[in-house]
Amino acid sequence: MAELDDGDPSASVASLSNDPEAPVVAIAGEIDISNADQVKAALLAEVGDVPLRIIIDVGALTFMDSSGIAILVQISKSVAPVELRHPTPIVRRVIEATGLSEHFGMRP
């Protein structure tokens, strides 16, 4: 698990499955402008080579602003499609407010 504490708030990124075709990665904590670059770098490091899709467990993500949305969109366009699992109510609201819920294929 990569603990990202260079900024305030903090976030962590951990690999839950190293399936090369569909890795599962968890993000916990908060994503905002202060740590977005570190979160993106940690996600890309956990994913490795370009998989067919990426599954991101956001069940422990307590806050995400537009910086987090930008990370998810960039990864989905440049690396692989992104599926979000276990979105918290706040994350679900942010995704739905941007009109991207179908783009990411959120699952409970």
C-alpha atoms as a PDB file:
ATOM      1  CA  MET A   1       0.000   0.000   0.000  1.00  0.00           C
ATOM      2  CA  ALA A   2       1.370   3.384  -0.969  1.00  0.00           C
ATOM      3  CA  GLU A   3       0.636   5.936   1.742  1.00  0.00           C
ATOM      4  CA  LEU A   4       0.524   9.395   0.216  1.00  0.00           C
ATOM      5  CA  ASP A   5       1.034  12.054   2.849  1.00  0.00           C
ATOM      6  CA  ASP A   6       2.978  14.808   1.073  1.00  0.00           C
ATOM      7  CA  GLY A   7      -0.124  16.971   1.028  1.00  0.00           C
ATOM      8  CA  ASP A   8      -2.999  17.470   3.320  1.00  0.00           C
ATOM      9  CA  PRO A   9      -5.353  15.515   3.120  1.00  0.00           C
ATOM     10  CA  SER A  10      -3.859  12.058   2.805  1.00  0.00           C
ATOM     11  CA  ALA A  11      -4.724   9.134   0.601  1.00  0.00           C
ATOM     12  CA  SER A  12      -3.496   5.609   0.105  1.00  0.00           C
ATOM     13  CA  VAL A  13      -3.446   3.369  -2.948  1.00  0.00           C
ATOM     14  CA  ALA A  14      -3.183  -0.409  -2.677  1.00  0.00           C
ATOM     15  CA  SER A  15      -3.306  -3.286  -5.122  1.00  0.00           C
ATOM     16  CA  LEU A  16      -6.029  -5.817  -4.247  1.00  0.00           C
ATOM     17  CA  SER A  17      -5.465  -8.059  -7.259  1.00  0.00           C
ATOM     18  CA  ASN A  18      -2.608  -8.245  -9.719  1.00  0.00           C
ATOM     19  CA  ASP A  19      -4.626  -9.743 -12.562  1.00  0.00           C
ATOM     20  CA  PRO A  20      -2.799  -8.364 -15.634  1.00  0.00           C
ATOM     21  CA  GLU A  21      -6.044  -8.048 -17.613  1.00  0.00           C
ATOM     22  CA  ALA A  22      -8.139  -6.362 -14.901  1.00  0.00           C
ATOM     23  CA  PRO A  23      -6.175  -5.263 -11.842  1.00  0.00           C
ATOM     24  CA  VAL A  24      -8.130  -4.223  -8.765  1.00  0.00           C
ATOM     25  CA  VAL A  25      -6.762  -1.199  -6.912  1.00  0.00           C
ATOM     26  CA  ALA A  26      -8.189   0.461  -3.791  1.00  0.00           C
ATOM     27  CA  ILE A  27      -8.024   4.164  -3.001  1.00  0.00           C
ATOM     28  CA  ALA A  28      -8.664   5.298   0.572  1.00  0.00           C
ATOM     29  CA  GLY A  29      -8.743   8.707   2.198  1.00  0.00           C
ATOM     30  CA  GLU A  30      -9.215  11.956   0.314  1.00  0.00           C
ATOM     31  CA  ILE A  31      -8.234  13.164  -3.149  1.00  0.00           C
ATOM     32  CA  ASP A  32      -7.935  16.844  -3.909  1.00  0.00           C
ATOM     33  CA  ILE A  33      -5.560  19.200  -5.712  1.00  0.00           C
ATOM     34  CA  SER A  34      -2.934  18.839  -2.970  1.00  0.00           C
ATOM     35  CA  ASN A  35      -2.356  15.126  -3.584  1.00  0.00           C
ATOM     36  CA  ALA A  36      -3.819  14.410  -7.034  1.00  0.00           C
ATOM     37  CA  ASP A  37      -0.444  13.996  -8.740  1.00  0.00           C
ATOM     38  CA  GLN A  38       0.729  11.540  -6.089  1.00  0.00           C
ATOM     39  CA  VAL A  39      -2.514   9.534  -6.275  1.00  0.00           C
ATOM     40  CA  LYS A  40      -2.294   9.324 -10.068  1.00  0.00           C
ATOM     41  CA  ALA A  41       1.360   8.222  -9.943  1.00  0.00           C
ATOM     42  CA  ALA A  42       0.568   5.585  -7.310  1.00  0.00           C
ATOM     43  CA  LEU A  43      -2.389   4.273  -9.343  1.00  0.00           C
ATOM     44  CA  LEU A  44      -0.295   3.990 -12.479  1.00  0.00           C
ATOM     45  CA  ALA A  45       2.488   2.250 -10.540  1.00  0.00           C
ATOM     46  CA  GLU A  46       0.032  -0.298  -9.123  1.00  0.00           C
ATOM     47  CA  VAL A  47      -1.564  -0.991 -12.507  1.00  0.00           C
ATOM     48  CA  GLY A  48       1.671  -1.646 -14.410  1.00  0.00           C
ATOM     49  CA  ASP A  49       1.306  -2.535 -18.092  1.00  0.00           C
ATOM     50  CA  VAL A  50      -1.798  -1.474 -19.965  1.00  0.00           C
ATOM     51  CA  PRO A  51      -4.612  -3.824 -18.857  1.00  0.00           C
ATOM     52  CA  LEU A  52      -7.932  -4.398 -20.606  1.00  0.00           C
ATOM     53  CA  ARG A  53      -9.662  -2.532 -17.786  1.00  0.00           C
ATOM     54  CA  ILE A  54      -8.970  -1.236 -14.287  1.00  0.00           C
ATOM     55  CA  ILE A  55     -11.225  -1.840 -11.301  1.00  0.00           C
ATOM     56  CA  ILE A  56     -10.908   0.760  -8.568  1.00  0.00           C
ATOM     57  CA  ASP A  57     -12.430   0.103  -5.160  1.00  0.00           C
ATOM     58  CA  VAL A  58     -13.428   3.508  -3.777  1.00  0.00           C
ATOM     59  CA  GLY A  59     -15.281   2.191  -0.723  1.00  0.00           C
ATOM     60  CA  ALA A  60     -12.832   3.895   1.642  1.00  0.00           C
ATOM     61  CA  LEU A  61     -12.569   7.143  -0.334  1.00  0.00           C
ATOM     62  CA  THR A  62     -14.107   9.803   1.897  1.00  0.00           C
ATOM     63  CA  PHE A  63     -13.648  12.849  -0.340  1.00  0.00           C
ATOM     64  CA  MET A  64     -12.938  13.538  -4.001  1.00  0.00           C
ATOM     65  CA  ASP A  65     -13.030  16.853  -5.806  1.00  0.00           C
ATOM     66  CA  SER A  66     -12.597  17.598  -9.509  1.00  0.00           C
ATOM     67  CA  SER A  67      -8.935  16.591  -9.251  1.00  0.00           C
ATOM     68  CA  GLY A  68     -10.020  13.036  -8.515  1.00  0.00           C
ATOM     69  CA  ILE A  69     -12.458  13.091 -11.416  1.00  0.00           C
ATOM     70  CA  ALA A  70      -9.648  14.293 -13.690  1.00  0.00           C
ATOM     71  CA  ILE A  71      -7.438  11.377 -12.598  1.00  0.00           C
ATOM     72  CA  LEU A  72     -10.167   8.840 -13.335  1.00  0.00           C
ATOM     73  CA  VAL A  73     -10.959  10.362 -16.742  1.00  0.00           C
ATOM     74  CA  GLN A  74      -7.274  10.549 -17.729  1.00  0.00           C
ATOM     75  CA  ILE A  75      -6.685   6.928 -16.751  1.00  0.00           C
ATOM     76  CA  SER A  76      -9.828   5.760 -18.546  1.00  0.00           C
ATOM     77  CA  LYS A  77      -8.775   7.526 -21.741  1.00  0.00           C
ATOM     78  CA  SER A  78      -5.051   6.802 -21.768  1.00  0.00           C
ATOM     79  CA  VAL A  79      -4.620   3.479 -19.952  1.00  0.00           C
ATOM     80  CA  ALA A  80      -7.816   1.435 -19.819  1.00  0.00           C
ATOM     81  CA  PRO A  81     -11.520   1.679 -19.051  1.00  0.00           C
ATOM     82  CA  VAL A  82     -12.192   2.281 -15.363  1.00  0.00           C
ATOM     83  CA  GLU A  83     -14.838   0.513 -13.290  1.00  0.00           C
ATOM     84  CA  LEU A  84     -15.593   1.941  -9.837  1.00  0.00           C
ATOM     85  CA  ARG A  85     -16.662  -0.411  -7.069  1.00  0.00           C
ATOM     86  CA  HIS A  86     -18.262   0.332  -3.704  1.00  0.00           C
ATOM     87  CA  PRO A  87     -18.561   4.107  -4.173  1.00  0.00           C
ATOM     88  CA  THR A  88     -19.325   5.995  -0.990  1.00  0.00           C
ATOM     89  CA  PRO A  89     -22.317   8.354  -1.128  1.00  0.00           C
ATOM     90  CA  ILE A  90     -20.062  11.400  -1.527  1.00  0.00           C
ATOM     91  CA  VAL A  91     -18.080   9.812  -4.360  1.00  0.00           C
ATOM     92  CA  ARG A  92     -21.278   8.643  -6.047  1.00  0.00           C
ATOM     93  CA  ARG A  93     -22.715  12.176  -5.873  1.00  0.00           C
ATOM     94  CA  VAL A  94     -19.583  13.699  -7.413  1.00  0.00           C
ATOM     95  CA  ILE A  95     -19.544  11.139 -10.240  1.00  0.00           C
ATOM     96  CA  GLU A  96     -23.271  11.541 -10.906  1.00  0.00           C
ATOM     97  CA  ALA A  97     -23.076  15.354 -10.778  1.00  0.00           C
ATOM     98  CA  THR A  98     -20.467  15.297 -13.537  1.00  0.00           C
ATOM     99  CA  GLY A  99     -22.573  12.975 -15.685  1.00  0.00           C
ATOM    100  CA  LEU A 100     -19.875  10.297 -15.695  1.00  0.00           C
ATOM    101  CA  SER A 101     -21.634   7.481 -13.830  1.00  0.00           C
ATOM    102  CA  GLU A 102     -22.215   5.442 -17.005  1.00  0.00           C
ATOM    103  CA  HIS A 103     -18.703   6.167 -18.250  1.00  0.00           C
ATOM    104  CA  PHE A 104     -17.186   4.520 -15.182  1.00  0.00           C
ATOM    105  CA  GLY A 105     -19.697   1.722 -14.711  1.00  0.00           C
ATOM    106  CA  MET A 106     -20.139   2.085 -10.938  1.00  0.00           C
ATOM    107  CA  ARG A 107     -20.968  -1.085  -9.026  1.00  0.00           C
ATOM    108  CA  PRO A 108     -22.040  -1.490  -5.410  1.00  0.00           C
END
